[in-house]
Amino acid sequence: MTRDTAIMEQFTKAYDELSDAIFRHCWFRVGDKERAKDLMQDTFTKSWQYISEGAEVSSLKGFLYKVANNLII
């Protein structure tokens, strides 16, 4: 298994496990369901762009929440 494949599998697993939690976090913070969906999608898109460029992330869950909070702000 190549490094890229392993990263993609980790990211896919994180999406499956955390997308609902990230969505709920965004919804709680912004109070708008559609905006929260957009923020959740943007969180994963921006995170994937950053990680796929070769950046190392020690805690994917923590990184995703940080990206989500930055987008909310």
C-alpha atoms as a PDB file:
ATOM      1  CA  MET A   1       0.000   0.000   0.000  1.00  0.00           C
ATOM      2  CA  THR A   2       1.399   3.369  -0.970  1.00  0.00           C
ATOM      3  CA  ARG A   3       1.522   6.371   1.327  1.00  0.00           C
ATOM      4  CA  ASP A   4      -1.138   8.156  -0.730  1.00  0.00           C
ATOM      5  CA  THR A   5      -3.499   5.195  -0.528  1.00  0.00           C
ATOM      6  CA  ALA A   6      -3.013   4.924   3.225  1.00  0.00           C
ATOM      7  CA  ILE A   7      -3.687   8.641   3.673  1.00  0.00           C
ATOM      8  CA  MET A   8      -6.804   8.445   1.515  1.00  0.00           C
ATOM      9  CA  GLU A   9      -8.114   5.493   3.535  1.00  0.00           C
ATOM     10  CA  GLN A  10      -7.455   7.322   6.825  1.00  0.00           C
ATOM     11  CA  PHE A  11      -9.181  10.429   5.541  1.00  0.00           C
ATOM     12  CA  THR A  12     -12.177   8.449   4.256  1.00  0.00           C
ATOM     13  CA  LYS A  13     -12.481   6.702   7.614  1.00  0.00           C
ATOM     14  CA  ALA A  14     -12.291  10.064   9.392  1.00  0.00           C
ATOM     15  CA  TYR A  15     -15.033  11.421   7.136  1.00  0.00           C
ATOM     16  CA  ASP A  16     -17.258   8.423   7.872  1.00  0.00           C
ATOM     17  CA  GLU A  17     -16.683   8.705  11.618  1.00  0.00           C
ATOM     18  CA  LEU A  18     -16.553  12.475  12.112  1.00  0.00           C
ATOM     19  CA  SER A  19     -18.650  14.211   9.455  1.00  0.00           C
ATOM     20  CA  ASP A  20     -21.828  14.097  11.565  1.00  0.00           C
ATOM     21  CA  ALA A  21     -20.009  15.397  14.637  1.00  0.00           C
ATOM     22  CA  ILE A  22     -18.357  18.202  12.656  1.00  0.00           C
ATOM     23  CA  PHE A  23     -21.750  19.097  11.154  1.00  0.00           C
ATOM     24  CA  ARG A  24     -23.398  19.216  14.601  1.00  0.00           C
ATOM     25  CA  HIS A  25     -20.538  21.328  15.956  1.00  0.00           C
ATOM     26  CA  CYS A  26     -20.943  23.802  13.100  1.00  0.00           C
ATOM     27  CA  TRP A  27     -24.734  23.830  13.446  1.00  0.00           C
ATOM     28  CA  PHE A  28     -24.461  24.561  17.168  1.00  0.00           C
ATOM     29  CA  ARG A  29     -22.032  27.396  16.519  1.00  0.00           C
ATOM     30  CA  VAL A  30     -23.813  29.089  13.577  1.00  0.00           C
ATOM     31  CA  GLY A  31     -27.457  28.122  14.192  1.00  0.00           C
ATOM     32  CA  ASP A  32     -28.217  27.534  10.508  1.00  0.00           C
ATOM     33  CA  LYS A  33     -28.500  24.010   9.144  1.00  0.00           C
ATOM     34  CA  GLU A  34     -27.602  24.787   5.519  1.00  0.00           C
ATOM     35  CA  ARG A  35     -24.640  26.952   6.520  1.00  0.00           C
ATOM     36  CA  ALA A  36     -23.475  24.170   8.859  1.00  0.00           C
ATOM     37  CA  LYS A  37     -23.582  21.661   5.974  1.00  0.00           C
ATOM     38  CA  ASP A  38     -21.499  24.015   3.842  1.00  0.00           C
ATOM     39  CA  LEU A  39     -19.004  24.527   6.655  1.00  0.00           C
ATOM     40  CA  MET A  40     -18.686  20.781   7.230  1.00  0.00           C
ATOM     41  CA  GLN A  41     -18.045  20.189   3.530  1.00  0.00           C
ATOM     42  CA  ASP A  42     -15.548  23.052   3.375  1.00  0.00           C
ATOM     43  CA  THR A  43     -13.785  21.629   6.436  1.00  0.00           C
ATOM     44  CA  PHE A  44     -13.153  18.303   4.747  1.00  0.00           C
ATOM     45  CA  THR A  45     -12.306  19.865   1.386  1.00  0.00           C
ATOM     46  CA  LYS A  46      -9.725  22.262   2.824  1.00  0.00           C
ATOM     47  CA  SER A  47      -8.299  19.551   5.089  1.00  0.00           C
ATOM     48  CA  TRP A  48      -7.907  17.152   2.173  1.00  0.00           C
ATOM     49  CA  GLN A  49      -6.178  19.829   0.084  1.00  0.00           C
ATOM     50  CA  TYR A  50      -3.740  20.507   2.921  1.00  0.00           C
ATOM     51  CA  ILE A  51      -3.026  16.837   3.670  1.00  0.00           C
ATOM     52  CA  SER A  52      -2.772  15.757   0.034  1.00  0.00           C
ATOM     53  CA  GLU A  53      -0.021  18.333  -0.504  1.00  0.00           C
ATOM     54  CA  GLY A  54       2.149  16.310   1.886  1.00  0.00           C
ATOM     55  CA  ALA A  55       1.554  18.114   5.175  1.00  0.00           C
ATOM     56  CA  GLU A  56       1.793  15.972   8.289  1.00  0.00           C
ATOM     57  CA  VAL A  57      -1.112  16.070  10.736  1.00  0.00           C
ATOM     58  CA  SER A  58      -0.607  14.363  14.086  1.00  0.00           C
ATOM     59  CA  SER A  59      -4.279  14.327  15.138  1.00  0.00           C
ATOM     60  CA  LEU A  60      -6.731  14.342  12.253  1.00  0.00           C
ATOM     61  CA  LYS A  61      -9.738  14.792  14.521  1.00  0.00           C
ATOM     62  CA  GLY A  62      -8.213  17.812  16.245  1.00  0.00           C
ATOM     63  CA  PHE A  63      -7.101  19.239  12.917  1.00  0.00           C
ATOM     64  CA  LEU A  64     -10.616  18.912  11.460  1.00  0.00           C
ATOM     65  CA  TYR A  65     -12.160  20.728  14.418  1.00  0.00           C
ATOM     66  CA  LYS A  66      -9.533  23.463  14.153  1.00  0.00           C
ATOM     67  CA  VAL A  67     -10.296  23.941  10.446  1.00  0.00           C
ATOM     68  CA  ALA A  68     -14.044  23.984  11.183  1.00  0.00           C
ATOM     69  CA  ASN A  69     -13.609  26.590  13.904  1.00  0.00           C
ATOM     70  CA  ASN A  70     -11.443  28.741  11.650  1.00  0.00           C
ATOM     71  CA  LEU A  71     -14.088  28.584   8.931  1.00  0.00           C
ATOM     72  CA  ILE A  72     -16.803  29.522  11.422  1.00  0.00           C
ATOM     73  CA  ILE A  73     -14.827  32.539  12.558  1.00  0.00           C
END
